[in-house]
Amino acid sequence: MNSKLVDEAPYHPGYEDASFEQVENPLMAELAQYRKMNERYIETAKKIVEFLGAGNKAAA
């Protein structure tokens, strides 16, 4: 039964290592956490810049 489900399952790119996500190298886990944190900071900075830019347009 299990092999039949696996044979019929569609391929989803990007999910090759999804089952191993919890079993990663501690250094890689720290790097992934650092990248997520930086991404949050960058997104916040972008929103601040957009907000300030919108304020300048409204005042002009």
PDB file of N, CA and C in Angstrom:
ATOM      1  N   MET A   1       0.827  -1.193   0.000  1.00  0.00           N
ATOM      2  CA  MET A   1       0.000   0.000   0.000  1.00  0.00           C
ATOM      3  C   MET A   1       0.870   1.255   0.000  1.00  0.00           C
ATOM      4  N   ASN A   2       1.887   1.294   0.838  1.00  0.00           N
ATOM      5  CA  ASN A   2       2.747   2.470   0.922  1.00  0.00           C
ATOM      6  C   ASN A   2       3.464   2.748  -0.393  1.00  0.00           C
ATOM      7  N   SER A   3       4.014   1.697  -1.013  1.00  0.00           N
ATOM      8  CA  SER A   3       4.741   1.907  -2.262  1.00  0.00           C
ATOM      9  C   SER A   3       3.809   2.383  -3.368  1.00  0.00           C
ATOM     10  N   LYS A   4       2.545   1.953  -3.336  1.00  0.00           N
ATOM     11  CA  LYS A   4       1.579   2.400  -4.338  1.00  0.00           C
ATOM     12  C   LYS A   4       1.337   3.905  -4.187  1.00  0.00           C
ATOM     13  N   LEU A   5       1.210   4.378  -2.950  1.00  0.00           N
ATOM     14  CA  LEU A   5       1.014   5.808  -2.717  1.00  0.00           C
ATOM     15  C   LEU A   5       2.227   6.613  -3.169  1.00  0.00           C
ATOM     16  N   VAL A   6       3.400   6.078  -2.931  1.00  0.00           N
ATOM     17  CA  VAL A   6       4.621   6.769  -3.334  1.00  0.00           C
ATOM     18  C   VAL A   6       4.710   6.830  -4.849  1.00  0.00           C
ATOM     19  N   ASP A   7       4.361   5.741  -5.521  1.00  0.00           N
ATOM     20  CA  ASP A   7       4.394   5.724  -6.982  1.00  0.00           C
ATOM     21  C   ASP A   7       3.421   6.729  -7.578  1.00  0.00           C
ATOM     22  N   GLU A   8       2.284   6.936  -6.943  1.00  0.00           N
ATOM     23  CA  GLU A   8       1.263   7.832  -7.482  1.00  0.00           C
ATOM     24  C   GLU A   8       1.467   9.289  -7.068  1.00  0.00           C
ATOM     25  N   ALA A   9       2.331   9.533  -6.114  1.00  0.00           N
ATOM     26  CA  ALA A   9       2.522  10.895  -5.604  1.00  0.00           C
ATOM     27  C   ALA A   9       3.186  11.769  -6.661  1.00  0.00           C
ATOM     28  N   PRO A  10       2.679  12.980  -6.857  1.00  0.00           N
ATOM     29  CA  PRO A  10       3.310  13.882  -7.829  1.00  0.00           C
ATOM     30  C   PRO A  10       4.634  14.416  -7.288  1.00  0.00           C
ATOM     31  N   TYR A  11       5.494  14.805  -8.190  1.00  0.00           N
ATOM     32  CA  TYR A  11       6.788  15.367  -7.814  1.00  0.00           C
ATOM     33  C   TYR A  11       6.625  16.849  -7.499  1.00  0.00           C
ATOM     34  N   HIS A  12       7.150  17.278  -6.370  1.00  0.00           N
ATOM     35  CA  HIS A  12       7.094  18.677  -5.967  1.00  0.00           C
ATOM     36  C   HIS A  12       8.521  19.182  -5.787  1.00  0.00           C
ATOM     37  N   PRO A  13       9.024  19.978  -6.729  1.00  0.00           N
ATOM     38  CA  PRO A  13      10.386  20.506  -6.591  1.00  0.00           C
ATOM     39  C   PRO A  13      10.542  21.302  -5.295  1.00  0.00           C
ATOM     40  N   GLY A  14      11.665  21.111  -4.652  1.00  0.00           N
ATOM     41  CA  GLY A  14      11.921  21.832  -3.413  1.00  0.00           C
ATOM     42  C   GLY A  14      11.608  21.024  -2.173  1.00  0.00           C
ATOM     43  N   TYR A  15      10.953  19.889  -2.333  1.00  0.00           N
ATOM     44  CA  TYR A  15      10.595  19.072  -1.182  1.00  0.00           C
ATOM     45  C   TYR A  15      11.470  17.820  -1.072  1.00  0.00           C
ATOM     46  N   GLU A  16      12.570  17.795  -1.805  1.00  0.00           N
ATOM     47  CA  GLU A  16      13.427  16.612  -1.791  1.00  0.00           C
ATOM     48  C   GLU A  16      13.959  16.315  -0.392  1.00  0.00           C
ATOM     49  N   ASP A  17      14.336  17.363   0.340  1.00  0.00           N
ATOM     50  CA  ASP A  17      14.932  17.164   1.664  1.00  0.00           C
ATOM     51  C   ASP A  17      13.989  17.574   2.788  1.00  0.00           C
ATOM     52  N   ALA A  18      12.703  17.647   2.517  1.00  0.00           N
ATOM     53  CA  ALA A  18      11.749  18.090   3.541  1.00  0.00           C
ATOM     54  C   ALA A  18      11.725  17.153   4.740  1.00  0.00           C
ATOM     55  N   SER A  19      11.895  15.866   4.514  1.00  0.00           N
ATOM     56  CA  SER A  19      11.840  14.922   5.627  1.00  0.00           C
ATOM     57  C   SER A  19      13.099  14.979   6.486  1.00  0.00           C
ATOM     58  N   PHE A  20      14.169  15.565   5.970  1.00  0.00           N
ATOM     59  CA  PHE A  20      15.424  15.619   6.709  1.00  0.00           C
ATOM     60  C   PHE A  20      15.656  16.973   7.365  1.00  0.00           C
ATOM     61  N   GLU A  21      14.671  17.846   7.318  1.00  0.00           N
ATOM     62  CA  GLU A  21      14.857  19.199   7.838  1.00  0.00           C
ATOM     63  C   GLU A  21      15.222  19.196   9.319  1.00  0.00           C
ATOM     64  N   GLN A  22      14.682  18.284  10.101  1.00  0.00           N
ATOM     65  CA  GLN A  22      14.960  18.242  11.534  1.00  0.00           C
ATOM     66  C   GLN A  22      16.300  17.579  11.845  1.00  0.00           C
ATOM     67  N   VAL A  23      16.928  16.949  10.844  1.00  0.00           N
ATOM     68  CA  VAL A  23      18.158  16.201  11.076  1.00  0.00           C
ATOM     69  C   VAL A  23      19.317  16.896  10.372  1.00  0.00           C
ATOM     70  N   GLU A  24      19.445  18.184  10.569  1.00  0.00           N
ATOM     71  CA  GLU A  24      20.507  18.890   9.878  1.00  0.00           C
ATOM     72  C   GLU A  24      21.672  19.195  10.808  1.00  0.00           C
ATOM     73  N   ASN A  25      22.738  19.542  10.213  1.00  0.00           N
ATOM     74  CA  ASN A  25      23.957  19.900  10.909  1.00  0.00           C
ATOM     75  C   ASN A  25      23.674  21.132  11.787  1.00  0.00           C
ATOM     76  N   PRO A  26      24.138  21.152  13.039  1.00  0.00           N
ATOM     77  CA  PRO A  26      23.889  22.307  13.914  1.00  0.00           C
ATOM     78  C   PRO A  26      24.406  23.622  13.324  1.00  0.00           C
ATOM     79  N   LEU A  27      25.521  23.570  12.629  1.00  0.00           N
ATOM     80  CA  LEU A  27      26.065  24.774  12.004  1.00  0.00           C
ATOM     81  C   LEU A  27      25.131  25.272  10.902  1.00  0.00           C
ATOM     82  N   MET A  28      24.577  24.351  10.123  1.00  0.00           N
ATOM     83  CA  MET A  28      23.643  24.733   9.063  1.00  0.00           C
ATOM     84  C   MET A  28      22.346  25.271   9.656  1.00  0.00           C
ATOM     85  N   ALA A  29      21.927  24.713  10.789  1.00  0.00           N
ATOM     86  CA  ALA A  29      20.716  25.203  11.456  1.00  0.00           C
ATOM     87  C   ALA A  29      20.924  26.641  11.930  1.00  0.00           C
ATOM     88  N   GLU A  30      22.097  26.914  12.473  1.00  0.00           N
ATOM     89  CA  GLU A  30      22.397  28.275  12.929  1.00  0.00           C
ATOM     90  C   GLU A  30      22.455  29.238  11.748  1.00  0.00           C
ATOM     91  N   LEU A  31      23.038  28.797  10.646  1.00  0.00           N
ATOM     92  CA  LEU A  31      23.110  29.628   9.450  1.00  0.00           C
ATOM     93  C   LEU A  31      21.710  29.914   8.904  1.00  0.00           C
ATOM     94  N   ALA A  32      20.843  28.908   8.879  1.00  0.00           N
ATOM     95  CA  ALA A  32      19.470  29.098   8.403  1.00  0.00           C
ATOM     96  C   ALA A  32      18.725  30.081   9.299  1.00  0.00           C
ATOM     97  N   GLN A  33      18.933  29.970  10.606  1.00  0.00           N
ATOM     98  CA  GLN A  33      18.293  30.894  11.547  1.00  0.00           C
ATOM     99  C   GLN A  33      18.806  32.322  11.324  1.00  0.00           C
ATOM    100  N   TYR A  34      20.084  32.464  11.082  1.00  0.00           N
ATOM    101  CA  TYR A  34      20.681  33.777  10.818  1.00  0.00           C
ATOM    102  C   TYR A  34      20.102  34.389   9.543  1.00  0.00           C
ATOM    103  N   ARG A  35      19.952  33.562   8.508  1.00  0.00           N
ATOM    104  CA  ARG A  35      19.396  34.050   7.245  1.00  0.00           C
ATOM    105  C   ARG A  35      17.947  34.489   7.419  1.00  0.00           C
ATOM    106  N   LYS A  36      17.164  33.738   8.182  1.00  0.00           N
ATOM    107  CA  LYS A  36      15.766  34.117   8.422  1.00  0.00           C
ATOM    108  C   LYS A  36      15.694  35.438   9.188  1.00  0.00           C
ATOM    109  N   MET A  37      16.580  35.599  10.168  1.00  0.00           N
ATOM    110  CA  MET A  37      16.604  36.826  10.957  1.00  0.00           C
ATOM    111  C   MET A  37      16.973  38.013  10.062  1.00  0.00           C
ATOM    112  N   ASN A  38      17.979  37.848   9.226  1.00  0.00           N
ATOM    113  CA  ASN A  38      18.378  38.922   8.314  1.00  0.00           C
ATOM    114  C   ASN A  38      17.264  39.256   7.339  1.00  0.00           C
ATOM    115  N   GLU A  39      16.549  38.242   6.873  1.00  0.00           N
ATOM    116  CA  GLU A  39      15.443  38.474   5.944  1.00  0.00           C
ATOM    117  C   GLU A  39      14.363  39.325   6.609  1.00  0.00           C
ATOM    118  N   ARG A  40      14.085  39.040   7.886  1.00  0.00           N
ATOM    119  CA  ARG A  40      13.098  39.845   8.619  1.00  0.00           C
ATOM    120  C   ARG A  40      13.557  41.296   8.741  1.00  0.00           C
ATOM    121  N   TYR A  41      14.835  41.497   9.055  1.00  0.00           N
ATOM    122  CA  TYR A  41      15.370  42.854   9.177  1.00  0.00           C
ATOM    123  C   TYR A  41      15.281  43.595   7.843  1.00  0.00           C
ATOM    124  N   ILE A  42      15.617  42.909   6.763  1.00  0.00           N
ATOM    125  CA  ILE A  42      15.581  43.541   5.444  1.00  0.00           C
ATOM    126  C   ILE A  42      14.153  43.904   5.065  1.00  0.00           C
ATOM    127  N   GLU A  43      13.201  43.006   5.318  1.00  0.00           N
ATOM    128  CA  GLU A  43      11.800  43.297   5.002  1.00  0.00           C
ATOM    129  C   GLU A  43      11.292  44.480   5.827  1.00  0.00           C
ATOM    130  N   THR A  44      11.678  44.543   7.090  1.00  0.00           N
ATOM    131  CA  THR A  44      11.276  45.667   7.940  1.00  0.00           C
ATOM    132  C   THR A  44      11.871  46.967   7.412  1.00  0.00           C
ATOM    133  N   ALA A  45      13.131  46.930   7.026  1.00  0.00           N
ATOM    134  CA  ALA A  45      13.780  48.127   6.483  1.00  0.00           C
ATOM    135  C   ALA A  45      13.094  48.576   5.199  1.00  0.00           C
ATOM    136  N   LYS A  46      12.713  47.629   4.346  1.00  0.00           N
ATOM    137  CA  LYS A  46      12.016  47.983   3.105  1.00  0.00           C
ATOM    138  C   LYS A  46      10.694  48.677   3.399  1.00  0.00           C
ATOM    139  N   LYS A  47       9.970  48.165   4.382  1.00  0.00           N
ATOM    140  CA  LYS A  47       8.682  48.769   4.738  1.00  0.00           C
ATOM    141  C   LYS A  47       8.872  50.185   5.286  1.00  0.00           C
ATOM    142  N   ILE A  48       9.915  50.391   6.070  1.00  0.00           N
ATOM    143  CA  ILE A  48      10.198  51.729   6.605  1.00  0.00           C
ATOM    144  C   ILE A  48      10.522  52.687   5.462  1.00  0.00           C
ATOM    145  N   VAL A  49      11.339  52.238   4.522  1.00  0.00           N
ATOM    146  CA  VAL A  49      11.700  53.083   3.382  1.00  0.00           C
ATOM    147  C   VAL A  49      10.463  53.409   2.553  1.00  0.00           C
ATOM    148  N   GLU A  50       9.602  52.415   2.319  1.00  0.00           N
ATOM    149  CA  GLU A  50       8.365  52.661   1.570  1.00  0.00           C
ATOM    150  C   GLU A  50       7.483  53.670   2.303  1.00  0.00           C
ATOM    151  N   PHE A  51       7.384  53.525   3.620  1.00  0.00           N
ATOM    152  CA  PHE A  51       6.563  54.438   4.416  1.00  0.00           C
ATOM    153  C   PHE A  51       7.096  55.862   4.334  1.00  0.00           C
ATOM    154  N   LEU A  52       8.407  56.005   4.504  1.00  0.00           N
ATOM    155  CA  LEU A  52       9.005  57.338   4.436  1.00  0.00           C
ATOM    156  C   LEU A  52       8.881  57.923   3.034  1.00  0.00           C
ATOM    157  N   GLY A  53       9.032  57.084   2.024  1.00  0.00           N
ATOM    158  CA  GLY A  53       8.881  57.550   0.648  1.00  0.00           C
ATOM    159  C   GLY A  53       7.461  57.998   0.358  1.00  0.00           C
ATOM    160  N   ALA A  54       6.479  57.286   0.892  1.00  0.00           N
ATOM    161  CA  ALA A  54       5.077  57.662   0.694  1.00  0.00           C
ATOM    162  C   ALA A  54       4.784  58.983   1.398  1.00  0.00           C
ATOM    163  N   GLY A  55       5.417  59.229   2.530  1.00  0.00           N
ATOM    164  CA  GLY A  55       5.230  60.483   3.255  1.00  0.00           C
ATOM    165  C   GLY A  55       5.773  61.666   2.474  1.00  0.00           C
ATOM    166  N   ASN A  56       6.901  61.473   1.803  1.00  0.00           N
ATOM    167  CA  ASN A  56       7.484  62.549   0.997  1.00  0.00           C
ATOM    168  C   ASN A  56       6.598  62.884  -0.193  1.00  0.00           C
ATOM    169  N   LYS A  57       5.986  61.883  -0.794  1.00  0.00           N
ATOM    170  CA  LYS A  57       5.112  62.110  -1.947  1.00  0.00           C
ATOM    171  C   LYS A  57       3.844  62.851  -1.521  1.00  0.00           C
ATOM    172  N   ALA A  58       3.340  62.527  -0.331  1.00  0.00           N
ATOM    173  CA  ALA A  58       2.115  63.166   0.154  1.00  0.00           C
ATOM    174  C   ALA A  58       2.372  64.634   0.495  1.00  0.00           C
ATOM    175  N   ALA A  59       3.561  64.940   0.974  1.00  0.00           N
ATOM    176  CA  ALA A  59       3.885  66.312   1.364  1.00  0.00           C
ATOM    177  C   ALA A  59       4.166  67.194   0.150  1.00  0.00           C
ATOM    178  N   ALA A  60       4.556  66.574  -0.969  1.00  0.00           N
ATOM    179  CA  ALA A  60       4.935  67.358  -2.167  1.00  0.00           C
ATOM    180  C   ALA A  60       3.776  67.873  -2.934  1.00  0.00           C
TER     181      ALA A  60
END
